[in-house]
C-alpha atoms as a PDB file:
ATOM      1  CA  MET A   1     -30.274 172.290 -12.612  1.00  0.00           C
ATOM      2  CA  HIS A   2     -32.334 171.225  -9.598  1.00  0.00           C
ATOM      3  CA  ARG A   3     -33.001 167.446  -9.073  1.00  0.00           C
ATOM      4  CA  LEU A   4     -34.798 166.499  -5.742  1.00  0.00           C
ATOM      5  CA  PHE A   5     -34.721 162.747  -4.872  1.00  0.00           C
ATOM      6  CA  LEU A   6     -36.660 161.287  -1.951  1.00  0.00           C
ATOM      7  CA  TYR A   7     -35.221 157.806  -1.654  1.00  0.00           C
ATOM      8  CA  GLY A   8     -36.548 154.715   0.210  1.00  0.00           C
ATOM      9  CA  PHE A   9     -34.147 152.010   1.245  1.00  0.00           C
ATOM     10  CA  ILE A  10     -32.696 149.925  -1.477  1.00  0.00           C
ATOM     11  CA  LEU A  11     -29.741 148.029  -0.441  1.00  0.00           C
ATOM     12  CA  PHE A  12     -26.564 148.716  -2.402  1.00  0.00           C
ATOM     13  CA  GLY A  13     -23.265 146.862  -1.715  1.00  0.00           C
ATOM     14  CA  PHE A  14     -19.874 148.852  -1.584  1.00  0.00           C
ATOM     15  CA  ALA A  15     -18.172 148.748  -4.885  1.00  0.00           C
ATOM     16  CA  THR A  16     -14.555 147.438  -4.792  1.00  0.00           C
ATOM     17  CA  GLN A  17     -12.110 146.496  -7.406  1.00  0.00           C
ATOM     18  CA  ALA A  18     -10.890 143.090  -7.841  1.00  0.00           C
ATOM     19  CA  HIS A  19      -7.058 142.878  -7.147  1.00  0.00           C
ATOM     20  CA  ALA A  20      -6.984 146.182  -5.493  1.00  0.00           C
ATOM     21  CA  GLU A  21      -3.689 147.168  -3.861  1.00  0.00           C
ATOM     22  CA  VAL A  22      -4.702 150.123  -1.825  1.00  0.00           C
ATOM     23  CA  VAL A  23      -1.708 151.996  -0.297  1.00  0.00           C
ATOM     24  CA  GLY A  24      -2.225 154.473   2.520  1.00  0.00           C
ATOM     25  CA  GLU A  25       0.342 156.956   3.689  1.00  0.00           C
ATOM     26  CA  GLU A  26       0.512 159.942   6.105  1.00  0.00           C
ATOM     27  CA  VAL A  27       1.403 163.195   4.425  1.00  0.00           C
ATOM     28  CA  SER A  28       2.278 166.638   5.936  1.00  0.00           C
ATOM     29  CA  TYR A  29       1.705 169.981   4.186  1.00  0.00           C
ATOM     30  CA  LYS A  30       1.475 173.542   5.127  1.00  0.00           C
ATOM     31  CA  ALA A  31      -1.013 176.427   4.835  1.00  0.00           C
ATOM     32  CA  ASN A  32       1.061 179.484   5.765  1.00  0.00           C
ATOM     33  CA  ASP A  33       2.733 178.543   9.036  1.00  0.00           C
ATOM     34  CA  THR A  34       0.360 175.854  10.040  1.00  0.00           C
ATOM     35  CA  THR A  35       1.395 172.217   9.533  1.00  0.00           C
ATOM     36  CA  LEU A  36      -1.380 169.979   8.478  1.00  0.00           C
ATOM     37  CA  LYS A  37      -1.392 166.118   8.687  1.00  0.00           C
ATOM     38  CA  GLY A  38      -3.288 164.362   6.023  1.00  0.00           C
ATOM     39  CA  TYR A  39      -3.639 160.830   4.723  1.00  0.00           C
ATOM     40  CA  LEU A  40      -3.217 159.856   1.056  1.00  0.00           C
ATOM     41  CA  ALA A  41      -4.723 156.627  -0.401  1.00  0.00           C
ATOM     42  CA  TYR A  42      -4.494 155.202  -3.829  1.00  0.00           C
ATOM     43  CA  ASP A  43      -4.599 151.769  -5.630  1.00  0.00           C
ATOM     44  CA  LYS A  44      -1.255 150.716  -6.928  1.00  0.00           C
ATOM     45  CA  ALA A  45      -2.880 148.254  -9.227  1.00  0.00           C
ATOM     46  CA  VAL A  46      -4.459 151.124 -11.266  1.00  0.00           C
ATOM     47  CA  LYS A  47      -2.154 152.419 -13.982  1.00  0.00           C
ATOM     48  CA  GLY A  48      -1.758 155.958 -15.060  1.00  0.00           C
ATOM     49  CA  LYS A  49      -3.228 159.060 -13.707  1.00  0.00           C
ATOM     50  CA  ARG A  50      -6.821 159.233 -12.281  1.00  0.00           C
ATOM     51  CA  PRO A  51      -9.138 161.765 -10.651  1.00  0.00           C
ATOM     52  CA  GLY A  52      -8.491 162.900  -7.100  1.00  0.00           C
ATOM     53  CA  VAL A  53     -11.034 163.272  -4.233  1.00  0.00           C
ATOM     54  CA  LEU A  54     -10.603 165.304  -1.024  1.00  0.00           C
ATOM     55  CA  VAL A  55     -12.181 163.903   2.058  1.00  0.00           C
ATOM     56  CA  VAL A  56     -13.097 166.496   4.693  1.00  0.00           C
ATOM     57  CA  HIS A  57     -13.639 165.121   8.247  1.00  0.00           C
ATOM     58  CA  GLU A  58     -16.404 165.538  10.822  1.00  0.00           C
ATOM     59  CA  TRP A  59     -16.202 168.049  13.609  1.00  0.00           C
ATOM     60  CA  TRP A  60     -14.274 165.439  15.495  1.00  0.00           C
ATOM     61  CA  GLY A  61     -11.140 166.130  13.337  1.00  0.00           C
ATOM     62  CA  HIS A  62      -8.923 164.119  11.021  1.00  0.00           C
ATOM     63  CA  ASN A  63      -9.484 160.498  12.369  1.00  0.00           C
ATOM     64  CA  GLU A  64      -9.827 156.970  11.247  1.00  0.00           C
ATOM     65  CA  TYR A  65     -13.198 157.441   9.843  1.00  0.00           C
ATOM     66  CA  ALA A  66     -11.886 160.010   7.437  1.00  0.00           C
ATOM     67  CA  ARG A  67      -9.086 157.684   6.465  1.00  0.00           C
ATOM     68  CA  LYS A  68     -11.489 154.765   5.971  1.00  0.00           C
ATOM     69  CA  ARG A  69     -13.461 156.737   3.465  1.00  0.00           C
ATOM     70  CA  ALA A  70     -10.154 157.675   1.685  1.00  0.00           C
ATOM     71  CA  ASP A  71      -9.338 154.015   1.432  1.00  0.00           C
ATOM     72  CA  MET A  72     -12.772 153.234  -0.001  1.00  0.00           C
ATOM     73  CA  LEU A  73     -12.435 155.899  -2.605  1.00  0.00           C
ATOM     74  CA  ALA A  74      -9.043 154.396  -3.433  1.00  0.00           C
ATOM     75  CA  GLU A  75     -10.614 151.015  -3.948  1.00  0.00           C
ATOM     76  CA  LEU A  76     -12.914 152.757  -6.547  1.00  0.00           C
ATOM     77  CA  GLY A  77      -9.868 153.853  -8.412  1.00  0.00           C
ATOM     78  CA  TYR A  78      -9.469 157.330  -7.235  1.00  0.00           C
ATOM     79  CA  VAL A  79      -6.578 159.072  -5.388  1.00  0.00           C
ATOM     80  CA  ALA A  80      -8.101 160.189  -2.186  1.00  0.00           C
ATOM     81  CA  LEU A  81      -6.617 162.608   0.410  1.00  0.00           C
ATOM     82  CA  ALA A  82      -8.269 162.847   3.802  1.00  0.00           C
ATOM     83  CA  VAL A  83      -7.475 166.470   4.753  1.00  0.00           C
ATOM     84  CA  ASP A  84      -6.663 168.087   8.193  1.00  0.00           C
ATOM     85  CA  MET A  85      -8.716 171.323   8.650  1.00  0.00           C
ATOM     86  CA  TYR A  86      -7.638 171.905  12.290  1.00  0.00           C
ATOM     87  CA  GLY A  87      -3.821 171.624  11.985  1.00  0.00           C
ATOM     88  CA  ALA A  88      -1.287 169.135  13.462  1.00  0.00           C
ATOM     89  CA  GLY A  89      -3.945 166.261  13.138  1.00  0.00           C
ATOM     90  CA  LYS A  90      -5.880 167.712  16.061  1.00  0.00           C
ATOM     91  CA  GLN A  91      -8.848 165.753  17.219  1.00  0.00           C
ATOM     92  CA  ALA A  92     -11.699 166.358  19.602  1.00  0.00           C
ATOM     93  CA  SER A  93     -12.835 163.828  22.170  1.00  0.00           C
ATOM     94  CA  HIS A  94     -15.802 165.798  23.426  1.00  0.00           C
ATOM     95  CA  PRO A  95     -18.490 167.887  21.635  1.00  0.00           C
ATOM     96  CA  GLU A  96     -17.348 171.028  23.469  1.00  0.00           C
ATOM     97  CA  ASP A  97     -13.833 170.654  21.929  1.00  0.00           C
ATOM     98  CA  ALA A  98     -15.344 169.702  18.526  1.00  0.00           C
ATOM     99  CA  GLN A  99     -17.538 172.705  18.552  1.00  0.00           C
ATOM    100  CA  LYS A 100     -14.626 174.937  19.425  1.00  0.00           C
ATOM    101  CA  PHE A 101     -12.311 173.503  16.755  1.00  0.00           C
ATOM    102  CA  SER A 102     -14.997 173.542  14.030  1.00  0.00           C
ATOM    103  CA  SER A 103     -16.120 177.003  14.892  1.00  0.00           C
ATOM    104  CA  GLU A 104     -12.674 178.384  14.372  1.00  0.00           C
ATOM    105  CA  ILE A 105     -13.012 177.405  10.734  1.00  0.00           C
ATOM    106  CA  ALA A 106     -16.857 178.052  10.299  1.00  0.00           C
ATOM    107  CA  ASN A 107     -16.312 181.654  11.628  1.00  0.00           C
ATOM    108  CA  ASN A 108     -13.217 182.261   9.532  1.00  0.00           C
ATOM    109  CA  MET A 109     -13.816 180.619   6.043  1.00  0.00           C
ATOM    110  CA  ALA A 110     -11.029 182.604   4.553  1.00  0.00           C
ATOM    111  CA  LEU A 111      -8.777 180.325   6.775  1.00  0.00           C
ATOM    112  CA  GLY A 112     -10.843 177.205   5.916  1.00  0.00           C
ATOM    113  CA  LYS A 113     -10.473 178.077   2.156  1.00  0.00           C
ATOM    114  CA  GLN A 114      -6.648 178.475   2.656  1.00  0.00           C
ATOM    115  CA  ARG A 115      -6.244 175.013   4.345  1.00  0.00           C
ATOM    116  CA  PHE A 116      -8.606 173.414   1.934  1.00  0.00           C
ATOM    117  CA  GLY A 117      -6.655 174.924  -0.940  1.00  0.00           C
ATOM    118  CA  ALA A 118      -3.349 173.617   0.429  1.00  0.00           C
ATOM    119  CA  ALA A 119      -4.902 170.067   0.460  1.00  0.00           C
ATOM    120  CA  MET A 120      -6.126 170.488  -3.114  1.00  0.00           C
ATOM    121  CA  GLU A 121      -2.804 171.684  -4.407  1.00  0.00           C
ATOM    122  CA  LEU A 122      -1.038 168.547  -2.682  1.00  0.00           C
ATOM    123  CA  LEU A 123      -3.529 166.173  -4.231  1.00  0.00           C
ATOM    124  CA  LYS A 124      -3.238 167.704  -7.700  1.00  0.00           C
ATOM    125  CA  LYS A 125       0.634 167.425  -7.469  1.00  0.00           C
ATOM    126  CA  GLN A 126       0.496 163.634  -6.824  1.00  0.00           C
ATOM    127  CA  PRO A 127       2.140 161.571  -9.637  1.00  0.00           C
ATOM    128  CA  THR A 128      -1.050 159.409  -9.884  1.00  0.00           C
ATOM    129  CA  THR A 129      -3.503 162.322  -9.858  1.00  0.00           C
ATOM    130  CA  ASN A 130      -5.119 163.938 -12.947  1.00  0.00           C
ATOM    131  CA  GLY A 131      -4.872 167.424 -11.683  1.00  0.00           C
ATOM    132  CA  SER A 132      -7.711 168.606 -13.963  1.00  0.00           C
ATOM    133  CA  ASP A 133     -10.217 166.155 -12.352  1.00  0.00           C
ATOM    134  CA  ILE A 134     -10.690 166.952  -8.608  1.00  0.00           C
ATOM    135  CA  ALA A 135     -13.780 166.528  -6.411  1.00  0.00           C
ATOM    136  CA  ALA A 136     -14.399 166.746  -2.728  1.00  0.00           C
ATOM    137  CA  ILE A 137     -16.619 164.952  -0.280  1.00  0.00           C
ATOM    138  CA  GLY A 138     -17.300 165.900   3.394  1.00  0.00           C
ATOM    139  CA  TYR A 139     -19.142 164.554   6.509  1.00  0.00           C
ATOM    140  CA  CYS A 140     -21.141 166.840   8.901  1.00  0.00           C
ATOM    141  CA  PHE A 141     -18.653 169.787   9.452  1.00  0.00           C
ATOM    142  CA  GLY A 142     -16.768 168.567   6.409  1.00  0.00           C
ATOM    143  CA  GLY A 143     -19.934 168.598   4.345  1.00  0.00           C
ATOM    144  CA  ALA A 144     -20.547 172.298   5.175  1.00  0.00           C
ATOM    145  CA  VAL A 145     -16.905 172.978   4.155  1.00  0.00           C
ATOM    146  CA  VAL A 146     -17.159 171.305   0.739  1.00  0.00           C
ATOM    147  CA  LEU A 147     -20.460 173.153   0.094  1.00  0.00           C
ATOM    148  CA  GLN A 148     -18.815 176.364   0.852  1.00  0.00           C
ATOM    149  CA  MET A 149     -15.854 175.712  -1.374  1.00  0.00           C
ATOM    150  CA  ALA A 150     -18.420 175.013  -4.240  1.00  0.00           C
ATOM    151  CA  ARG A 151     -20.109 178.290  -3.404  1.00  0.00           C
ATOM    152  CA  GLU A 152     -16.920 180.197  -3.621  1.00  0.00           C
ATOM    153  CA  GLY A 153     -16.226 178.871  -7.066  1.00  0.00           C
ATOM    154  CA  LEU A 154     -13.139 176.629  -6.408  1.00  0.00           C
ATOM    155  CA  ASP A 155     -12.193 174.566  -9.519  1.00  0.00           C
ATOM    156  CA  LEU A 156     -13.851 171.375  -8.452  1.00  0.00           C
ATOM    157  CA  ASP A 157     -15.662 169.057 -10.674  1.00  0.00           C
ATOM    158  CA  ALA A 158     -18.063 167.812  -7.995  1.00  0.00           C
ATOM    159  CA  VAL A 159     -18.747 168.100  -4.292  1.00  0.00           C
ATOM    160  CA  VAL A 160     -20.763 165.759  -2.003  1.00  0.00           C
ATOM    161  CA  SER A 161     -22.047 166.700   1.453  1.00  0.00           C
ATOM    162  CA  PHE A 162     -23.061 163.942   3.732  1.00  0.00           C
ATOM    163  CA  HIS A 163     -25.250 165.192   6.617  1.00  0.00           C
ATOM    164  CA  GLY A 164     -23.724 168.560   6.466  1.00  0.00           C
ATOM    165  CA  SER A 165     -25.151 171.929   7.523  1.00  0.00           C
ATOM    166  CA  LEU A 166     -26.687 173.934   4.726  1.00  0.00           C
ATOM    167  CA  GLY A 167     -26.489 177.502   5.860  1.00  0.00           C
ATOM    168  CA  THR A 168     -23.854 180.090   4.888  1.00  0.00           C
ATOM    169  CA  THR A 169     -22.909 183.769   5.481  1.00  0.00           C
ATOM    170  CA  LYS A 170     -21.737 183.924   1.918  1.00  0.00           C
ATOM    171  CA  PRO A 171     -24.248 182.566  -0.475  1.00  0.00           C
ATOM    172  CA  ALA A 172     -23.410 181.291  -4.006  1.00  0.00           C
ATOM    173  CA  GLN A 173     -23.647 183.926  -6.618  1.00  0.00           C
ATOM    174  CA  PRO A 174     -24.958 183.400 -10.196  1.00  0.00           C
ATOM    175  CA  GLY A 175     -22.263 181.941 -12.621  1.00  0.00           C
ATOM    176  CA  VAL A 176     -19.663 181.245  -9.811  1.00  0.00           C
ATOM    177  CA  VAL A 177     -20.344 177.610  -8.830  1.00  0.00           C
ATOM    178  CA  LYS A 178     -18.363 175.294 -10.968  1.00  0.00           C
ATOM    179  CA  ALA A 179     -18.835 171.957  -9.128  1.00  0.00           C
ATOM    180  CA  LYS A 180     -21.820 169.635  -9.550  1.00  0.00           C
ATOM    181  CA  ILE A 181     -23.279 169.497  -6.122  1.00  0.00           C
ATOM    182  CA  MET A 182     -24.814 166.504  -4.245  1.00  0.00           C
ATOM    183  CA  VAL A 183     -26.325 166.652  -0.682  1.00  0.00           C
ATOM    184  CA  ALA A 184     -27.022 163.478   1.101  1.00  0.00           C
ATOM    185  CA  HIS A 185     -29.390 164.447   3.951  1.00  0.00           C
ATOM    186  CA  GLY A 186     -30.934 162.552   6.864  1.00  0.00           C
ATOM    187  CA  GLY A 187     -34.592 162.957   6.492  1.00  0.00           C
ATOM    188  CA  ALA A 188     -35.096 162.825  10.326  1.00  0.00           C
ATOM    189  CA  ASP A 189     -31.899 164.995  11.084  1.00  0.00           C
ATOM    190  CA  PRO A 190     -33.066 167.472  13.786  1.00  0.00           C
ATOM    191  CA  PHE A 191     -30.071 169.729  13.290  1.00  0.00           C
ATOM    192  CA  ILE A 192     -31.216 170.714   9.759  1.00  0.00           C
ATOM    193  CA  LYS A 193     -34.608 172.656   9.850  1.00  0.00           C
ATOM    194  CA  PRO A 194     -37.019 172.686   6.988  1.00  0.00           C
ATOM    195  CA  GLU A 195     -36.408 176.403   6.459  1.00  0.00           C
ATOM    196  CA  GLN A 196     -32.694 175.692   5.961  1.00  0.00           C
ATOM    197  CA  ILE A 197     -33.485 173.180   3.177  1.00  0.00           C
ATOM    198  CA  THR A 198     -35.902 175.554   1.440  1.00  0.00           C
ATOM    199  CA  GLY A 199     -33.282 178.352   1.887  1.00  0.00           C
ATOM    200  CA  PHE A 200     -30.675 176.098   0.317  1.00  0.00           C
ATOM    201  CA  PHE A 201     -32.927 175.297  -2.719  1.00  0.00           C
ATOM    202  CA  ALA A 202     -33.527 178.878  -3.208  1.00  0.00           C
ATOM    203  CA  GLU A 203     -29.859 179.834  -3.020  1.00  0.00           C
ATOM    204  CA  MET A 204     -28.865 177.121  -5.395  1.00  0.00           C
ATOM    205  CA  ASN A 205     -31.555 177.884  -7.891  1.00  0.00           C
ATOM    206  CA  GLN A 206     -30.756 181.695  -7.859  1.00  0.00           C
ATOM    207  CA  ALA A 207     -27.077 180.784  -8.388  1.00  0.00           C
ATOM    208  CA  GLU A 208     -28.002 178.506 -11.392  1.00  0.00           C
ATOM    209  CA  ALA A 209     -26.024 175.597  -9.733  1.00  0.00           C
ATOM    210  CA  ASP A 210     -26.201 171.993 -10.881  1.00  0.00           C
ATOM    211  CA  TYR A 211     -27.218 170.292  -7.767  1.00  0.00           C
ATOM    212  CA  ARG A 212     -29.214 167.359  -6.354  1.00  0.00           C
ATOM    213  CA  PHE A 213     -30.479 166.957  -2.842  1.00  0.00           C
ATOM    214  CA  ILE A 214     -31.369 163.362  -1.720  1.00  0.00           C
ATOM    215  CA  ALA A 215     -33.282 162.931   1.570  1.00  0.00           C
ATOM    216  CA  TYR A 216     -33.073 159.437   3.223  1.00  0.00           C
ATOM    217  CA  SER A 217     -36.352 158.781   4.924  1.00  0.00           C
ATOM    218  CA  GLY A 218     -36.016 158.226   8.770  1.00  0.00           C
ATOM    219  CA  ALA A 219     -32.148 158.827   8.770  1.00  0.00           C
ATOM    220  CA  LEU A 220     -30.659 160.991  11.662  1.00  0.00           C
ATOM    221  CA  HIS A 221     -27.551 162.980  11.795  1.00  0.00           C
ATOM    222  CA  SER A 222     -24.293 161.300  11.128  1.00  0.00           C
ATOM    223  CA  PHE A 223     -26.101 158.364   9.651  1.00  0.00           C
ATOM    224  CA  THR A 224     -23.004 157.221   7.593  1.00  0.00           C
ATOM    225  CA  ASN A 225     -20.778 156.686  10.670  1.00  0.00           C
ATOM    226  CA  PRO A 226     -20.901 153.389  12.373  1.00  0.00           C
ATOM    227  CA  ASP A 227     -19.614 155.150  15.580  1.00  0.00           C
ATOM    228  CA  ALA A 228     -22.526 157.528  15.678  1.00  0.00           C
ATOM    229  CA  ASP A 229     -24.495 155.226  17.989  1.00  0.00           C
ATOM    230  CA  THR A 230     -21.676 155.336  20.497  1.00  0.00           C
ATOM    231  CA  PHE A 231     -21.220 159.039  20.276  1.00  0.00           C
ATOM    232  CA  GLY A 232     -24.962 159.564  20.562  1.00  0.00           C
ATOM    233  CA  ALA A 233     -25.338 157.489  23.703  1.00  0.00           C
ATOM    234  CA  LYS A 234     -22.214 158.934  25.337  1.00  0.00           C
ATOM    235  CA  PHE A 235     -23.056 162.543  24.786  1.00  0.00           C
ATOM    236  CA  ASN A 236     -26.819 162.312  24.661  1.00  0.00           C
ATOM    237  CA  LEU A 237     -26.927 163.539  21.031  1.00  0.00           C
ATOM    238  CA  PRO A 238     -29.445 162.568  18.222  1.00  0.00           C
ATOM    239  CA  LEU A 239     -26.862 160.707  16.201  1.00  0.00           C
ATOM    240  CA  LYS A 240     -27.580 157.228  14.825  1.00  0.00           C
ATOM    241  CA  TYR A 241     -25.956 154.968  12.107  1.00  0.00           C
ATOM    242  CA  ASN A 242     -28.325 153.842   9.366  1.00  0.00           C
ATOM    243  CA  LYS A 243     -26.563 151.071   7.411  1.00  0.00           C
ATOM    244  CA  GLN A 244     -29.104 151.291   4.432  1.00  0.00           C
ATOM    245  CA  ALA A 245     -28.923 155.072   4.115  1.00  0.00           C
ATOM    246  CA  ASP A 246     -24.998 154.798   4.389  1.00  0.00           C
ATOM    247  CA  GLN A 247     -24.702 152.350   1.654  1.00  0.00           C
ATOM    248  CA  GLU A 248     -27.288 154.013  -0.657  1.00  0.00           C
ATOM    249  CA  SER A 249     -25.800 157.444  -0.242  1.00  0.00           C
ATOM    250  CA  TRP A 250     -22.375 155.981  -0.988  1.00  0.00           C
ATOM    251  CA  GLN A 251     -23.635 154.504  -4.254  1.00  0.00           C
ATOM    252  CA  ALA A 252     -25.337 157.821  -5.183  1.00  0.00           C
ATOM    253  CA  MET A 253     -21.909 159.511  -4.563  1.00  0.00           C
ATOM    254  CA  GLN A 254     -20.223 157.111  -6.904  1.00  0.00           C
ATOM    255  CA  THR A 255     -22.781 157.890  -9.766  1.00  0.00           C
ATOM    256  CA  HIS A 256     -22.396 161.622  -9.093  1.00  0.00           C
ATOM    257  CA  LEU A 257     -18.699 161.561  -9.329  1.00  0.00           C
ATOM    258  CA  GLU A 258     -18.675 159.339 -12.446  1.00  0.00           C
ATOM    259  CA  ASP A 259     -21.176 161.795 -14.144  1.00  0.00           C
ATOM    260  CA  ALA A 260     -19.064 164.882 -13.150  1.00  0.00           C
ATOM    261  CA  PHE A 261     -15.659 163.402 -14.406  1.00  0.00           C
ATOM    262  CA  LYS A 262     -17.384 162.429 -17.705  1.00  0.00           C
ATOM    263  CA  ASP A 263     -17.941 166.146 -18.485  1.00  0.00           C
END
């Protein structure tokens, strides 16, 4: 199912639960011989098992921004795991390092799938998680990762890509995609070319995937990250935080996850 949305800017507040008791803890897990360092967040005030959501970091690596999003998901009542795709919690402080680290996964998606799968299994095994209800969200590099996991048919209810790249060397095939897909795209993002968008539409339609693509007018790359302005100025990159697009896309994600977990 193809649903295309072109949103203006309607201000949404972040949803939080009253009396939330969000707990965050560092967790270590393994994919083959690589130790991965993640961050698990959940609300102690919520009783019983609940859906789990994986959070895949930007190309900078597993950092406080990914953890913040995990905490925000926990406030919504989910069990959230901010994953580590690079190993040992490795982070980049310069775009050259970020490109190197992210390319190691982008050019070896079998490795990426293995590490993502290890995180997914860890999340499913948590005593607070309903293992049959799992989704994933990702930012920039992480957005590309969660889209690829959906393409490859992982057992996910939903994926959400925030300002992630859309291209792939392994397109989705008909009948393989299980996840409901949402893409939150910056309408002025210079890294994503128009032909990549049309190619993504064609791929999803041919694969008969259930997807929605939301373009936020005027938003640049990394529009959800408040640190984007600092990174953009420091490294002369076209990155910019957009508060309204950030809040609106977060609200759209909530609706997307709620719809997916109802099915």
